[in-house]
N, C-alpha and C. Protein backbone atom coordinates (compact mmCIF):
# COMPACT_ATOMS: atom_id res chain seq x y z
N MET A 1 0.86 -1.18 0.00
CA MET A 1 0.00 0.00 0.00
C MET A 1 0.90 1.23 0.00
N SER A 2 0.63 2.16 -0.88
CA SER A 2 1.44 3.37 -0.92
C SER A 2 1.15 4.25 0.29
N LYS A 3 2.08 5.15 0.56
CA LYS A 3 1.92 6.02 1.73
C LYS A 3 0.74 6.97 1.58
N SER A 4 0.42 7.34 0.33
CA SER A 4 -0.65 8.31 0.13
C SER A 4 -2.05 7.69 0.22
N MET A 5 -2.15 6.36 0.16
CA MET A 5 -3.46 5.72 0.21
C MET A 5 -3.83 5.40 1.65
N SER A 6 -4.99 5.86 2.06
CA SER A 6 -5.44 5.59 3.42
C SER A 6 -5.96 4.16 3.53
N ALA A 7 -6.07 3.68 4.74
CA ALA A 7 -6.59 2.33 4.96
C ALA A 7 -8.05 2.23 4.52
N TYR A 8 -8.81 3.30 4.71
CA TYR A 8 -10.22 3.31 4.29
C TYR A 8 -10.33 3.18 2.77
N ARG A 9 -9.51 3.93 2.05
CA ARG A 9 -9.55 3.88 0.59
C ARG A 9 -9.11 2.51 0.09
N ALA A 10 -8.10 1.93 0.73
CA ALA A 10 -7.66 0.58 0.36
C ALA A 10 -8.77 -0.44 0.59
N ALA A 11 -9.51 -0.29 1.68
CA ALA A 11 -10.63 -1.20 1.96
C ALA A 11 -11.73 -1.05 0.92
N ILE A 12 -11.98 0.16 0.48
CA ILE A 12 -12.99 0.39 -0.57
C ILE A 12 -12.57 -0.30 -1.87
N PHE A 13 -11.30 -0.16 -2.24
CA PHE A 13 -10.80 -0.82 -3.45
C PHE A 13 -10.87 -2.34 -3.32
N MET A 14 -10.56 -2.86 -2.15
CA MET A 14 -10.63 -4.30 -1.92
C MET A 14 -12.08 -4.78 -2.03
N PHE A 15 -13.01 -4.03 -1.46
CA PHE A 15 -14.42 -4.37 -1.55
C PHE A 15 -14.89 -4.36 -3.00
N ALA A 16 -14.50 -3.35 -3.77
CA ALA A 16 -14.89 -3.27 -5.17
C ALA A 16 -14.32 -4.44 -5.97
N ALA A 17 -13.08 -4.81 -5.70
CA ALA A 17 -12.46 -5.94 -6.40
C ALA A 17 -13.19 -7.24 -6.09
N MET A 18 -13.57 -7.43 -4.84
CA MET A 18 -14.28 -8.65 -4.46
C MET A 18 -15.70 -8.67 -5.04
N MET A 19 -16.34 -7.52 -5.15
CA MET A 19 -17.67 -7.47 -5.78
C MET A 19 -17.58 -7.86 -7.25
N LEU A 20 -16.57 -7.34 -7.95
CA LEU A 20 -16.39 -7.70 -9.36
C LEU A 20 -16.07 -9.18 -9.52
N THR A 21 -15.23 -9.70 -8.64
CA THR A 21 -14.88 -11.12 -8.69
C THR A 21 -16.09 -11.99 -8.41
N GLY A 22 -16.88 -11.62 -7.43
CA GLY A 22 -18.07 -12.40 -7.08
C GLY A 22 -19.14 -12.35 -8.15
N ALA A 23 -19.25 -11.24 -8.85
CA ALA A 23 -20.26 -11.10 -9.90
C ALA A 23 -19.84 -11.79 -11.19
N ASN A 24 -18.57 -12.13 -11.31
CA ASN A 24 -18.05 -12.70 -12.55
C ASN A 24 -18.67 -14.06 -12.86
N LEU A 25 -18.80 -14.94 -11.90
CA LEU A 25 -19.29 -16.29 -12.15
C LEU A 25 -20.75 -16.31 -12.63
N PRO A 26 -21.69 -15.73 -11.91
CA PRO A 26 -23.07 -15.79 -12.42
C PRO A 26 -23.26 -15.01 -13.73
N LEU A 27 -22.58 -13.90 -13.86
CA LEU A 27 -22.69 -13.13 -15.10
C LEU A 27 -22.10 -13.91 -16.27
N GLY A 28 -20.95 -14.54 -16.05
CA GLY A 28 -20.32 -15.34 -17.10
C GLY A 28 -21.19 -16.51 -17.51
N LYS A 29 -21.78 -17.19 -16.55
CA LYS A 29 -22.67 -18.32 -16.87
C LYS A 29 -23.88 -17.86 -17.68
N TYR A 30 -24.45 -16.73 -17.29
CA TYR A 30 -25.61 -16.20 -18.01
C TYR A 30 -25.23 -15.84 -19.45
N LEU A 31 -24.12 -15.14 -19.61
CA LEU A 31 -23.71 -14.70 -20.94
C LEU A 31 -23.34 -15.87 -21.84
N VAL A 32 -22.65 -16.87 -21.30
CA VAL A 32 -22.27 -18.03 -22.11
C VAL A 32 -23.52 -18.79 -22.57
N ALA A 33 -24.57 -18.77 -21.77
CA ALA A 33 -25.81 -19.45 -22.16
C ALA A 33 -26.54 -18.71 -23.28
N HIS A 34 -26.31 -17.40 -23.42
CA HIS A 34 -27.05 -16.60 -24.38
C HIS A 34 -26.21 -16.06 -25.53
N VAL A 35 -24.89 -16.13 -25.43
CA VAL A 35 -24.00 -15.57 -26.45
C VAL A 35 -23.02 -16.67 -26.86
N PRO A 36 -22.70 -16.78 -28.15
CA PRO A 36 -21.70 -17.78 -28.56
C PRO A 36 -20.38 -17.58 -27.80
N ILE A 37 -19.75 -18.69 -27.43
CA ILE A 37 -18.59 -18.64 -26.54
C ILE A 37 -17.44 -17.84 -27.13
N TYR A 38 -17.19 -17.96 -28.43
CA TYR A 38 -16.07 -17.23 -29.03
C TYR A 38 -16.36 -15.73 -29.11
N LEU A 39 -17.59 -15.37 -29.32
CA LEU A 39 -17.96 -13.96 -29.30
C LEU A 39 -17.82 -13.39 -27.89
N PHE A 40 -18.22 -14.16 -26.90
CA PHE A 40 -18.05 -13.75 -25.50
C PHE A 40 -16.58 -13.58 -25.16
N ALA A 41 -15.73 -14.51 -25.60
CA ALA A 41 -14.29 -14.42 -25.33
C ALA A 41 -13.69 -13.19 -26.02
N PHE A 42 -14.13 -12.91 -27.24
CA PHE A 42 -13.62 -11.74 -27.95
C PHE A 42 -14.02 -10.45 -27.24
N TYR A 43 -15.27 -10.33 -26.84
CA TYR A 43 -15.72 -9.12 -26.13
C TYR A 43 -15.00 -8.95 -24.80
N ARG A 44 -14.80 -10.05 -24.09
CA ARG A 44 -14.09 -9.97 -22.81
C ARG A 44 -12.66 -9.50 -23.02
N PHE A 45 -11.99 -10.02 -24.06
CA PHE A 45 -10.63 -9.59 -24.37
C PHE A 45 -10.61 -8.12 -24.77
N ALA A 46 -11.56 -7.69 -25.60
CA ALA A 46 -11.59 -6.31 -26.07
C ALA A 46 -11.80 -5.33 -24.91
N VAL A 47 -12.70 -5.65 -24.01
CA VAL A 47 -12.96 -4.77 -22.87
C VAL A 47 -11.72 -4.69 -21.98
N CYS A 48 -11.10 -5.83 -21.71
CA CYS A 48 -9.89 -5.83 -20.88
C CYS A 48 -8.76 -5.06 -21.53
N ALA A 49 -8.60 -5.19 -22.84
CA ALA A 49 -7.54 -4.46 -23.54
C ALA A 49 -7.78 -2.95 -23.47
N LEU A 50 -9.02 -2.52 -23.62
CA LEU A 50 -9.32 -1.09 -23.54
C LEU A 50 -9.08 -0.54 -22.13
N VAL A 51 -9.50 -1.28 -21.13
CA VAL A 51 -9.26 -0.84 -19.74
C VAL A 51 -7.77 -0.79 -19.45
N LEU A 52 -7.03 -1.79 -19.89
CA LEU A 52 -5.59 -1.81 -19.67
C LEU A 52 -4.90 -0.65 -20.39
N ALA A 53 -5.34 -0.32 -21.60
CA ALA A 53 -4.76 0.81 -22.32
C ALA A 53 -4.98 2.12 -21.58
N ILE A 54 -6.13 2.28 -20.97
CA ILE A 54 -6.41 3.50 -20.20
C ILE A 54 -5.55 3.54 -18.94
N VAL A 55 -5.44 2.40 -18.25
CA VAL A 55 -4.66 2.35 -17.01
C VAL A 55 -3.19 2.60 -17.28
N VAL A 56 -2.66 2.05 -18.36
CA VAL A 56 -1.24 2.20 -18.68
C VAL A 56 -0.89 3.67 -18.91
N ARG A 57 -1.77 4.42 -19.50
CA ARG A 57 -1.48 5.84 -19.76
C ARG A 57 -1.34 6.65 -18.48
N THR A 58 -1.95 6.21 -17.41
CA THR A 58 -1.88 6.97 -16.16
C THR A 58 -0.71 6.57 -15.28
N GLU A 59 0.01 5.50 -15.66
CA GLU A 59 1.13 5.04 -14.85
C GLU A 59 2.33 5.96 -15.00
N PRO A 60 3.05 6.23 -13.90
CA PRO A 60 4.26 7.05 -14.00
C PRO A 60 5.41 6.25 -14.63
N GLY A 61 6.40 6.97 -15.11
CA GLY A 61 7.57 6.33 -15.69
C GLY A 61 7.64 6.53 -17.18
N PRO A 62 8.72 6.04 -17.80
CA PRO A 62 8.89 6.24 -19.24
C PRO A 62 7.89 5.40 -20.04
N HIS A 63 7.50 5.94 -21.18
CA HIS A 63 6.64 5.19 -22.08
C HIS A 63 7.47 4.16 -22.82
N LEU A 64 6.83 3.18 -23.40
CA LEU A 64 7.52 2.09 -24.06
C LEU A 64 8.45 2.59 -25.16
N ARG A 65 8.02 3.58 -25.92
CA ARG A 65 8.85 4.11 -27.01
C ARG A 65 10.08 4.84 -26.50
N GLN A 66 10.03 5.34 -25.28
CA GLN A 66 11.14 6.11 -24.73
C GLN A 66 12.15 5.23 -24.01
N MET A 67 11.88 3.95 -23.85
CA MET A 67 12.75 3.08 -23.08
C MET A 67 13.92 2.57 -23.92
N SER A 68 15.07 2.43 -23.28
CA SER A 68 16.25 1.87 -23.95
C SER A 68 16.14 0.35 -23.96
N PRO A 69 16.91 -0.32 -24.81
CA PRO A 69 16.86 -1.79 -24.83
C PRO A 69 17.17 -2.42 -23.47
N ALA A 70 18.05 -1.79 -22.70
CA ALA A 70 18.37 -2.34 -21.38
C ALA A 70 17.18 -2.24 -20.43
N GLN A 71 16.35 -1.20 -20.57
CA GLN A 71 15.18 -1.05 -19.72
C GLN A 71 14.07 -2.03 -20.09
N LEU A 72 14.06 -2.48 -21.33
CA LEU A 72 13.02 -3.40 -21.79
C LEU A 72 13.23 -4.82 -21.27
N ARG A 73 14.43 -5.13 -20.81
CA ARG A 73 14.72 -6.49 -20.33
C ARG A 73 14.22 -6.70 -18.95
């Protein structure tokens, strides 16, 4: 936990993560029953890729294009 994050805020993030994890199973079962499995897998990948692209932009440090070969290892 970083120094700037309070214990209350960390608990809120933990609660949100557990809510998403708990909702994943029934939602996944429902969607697989109504949507073709490969289409479901594609949508899940696309959503995760978009969220990850947004999160990566907010991270501190050098961007991938600015890194030297030694930093990429």
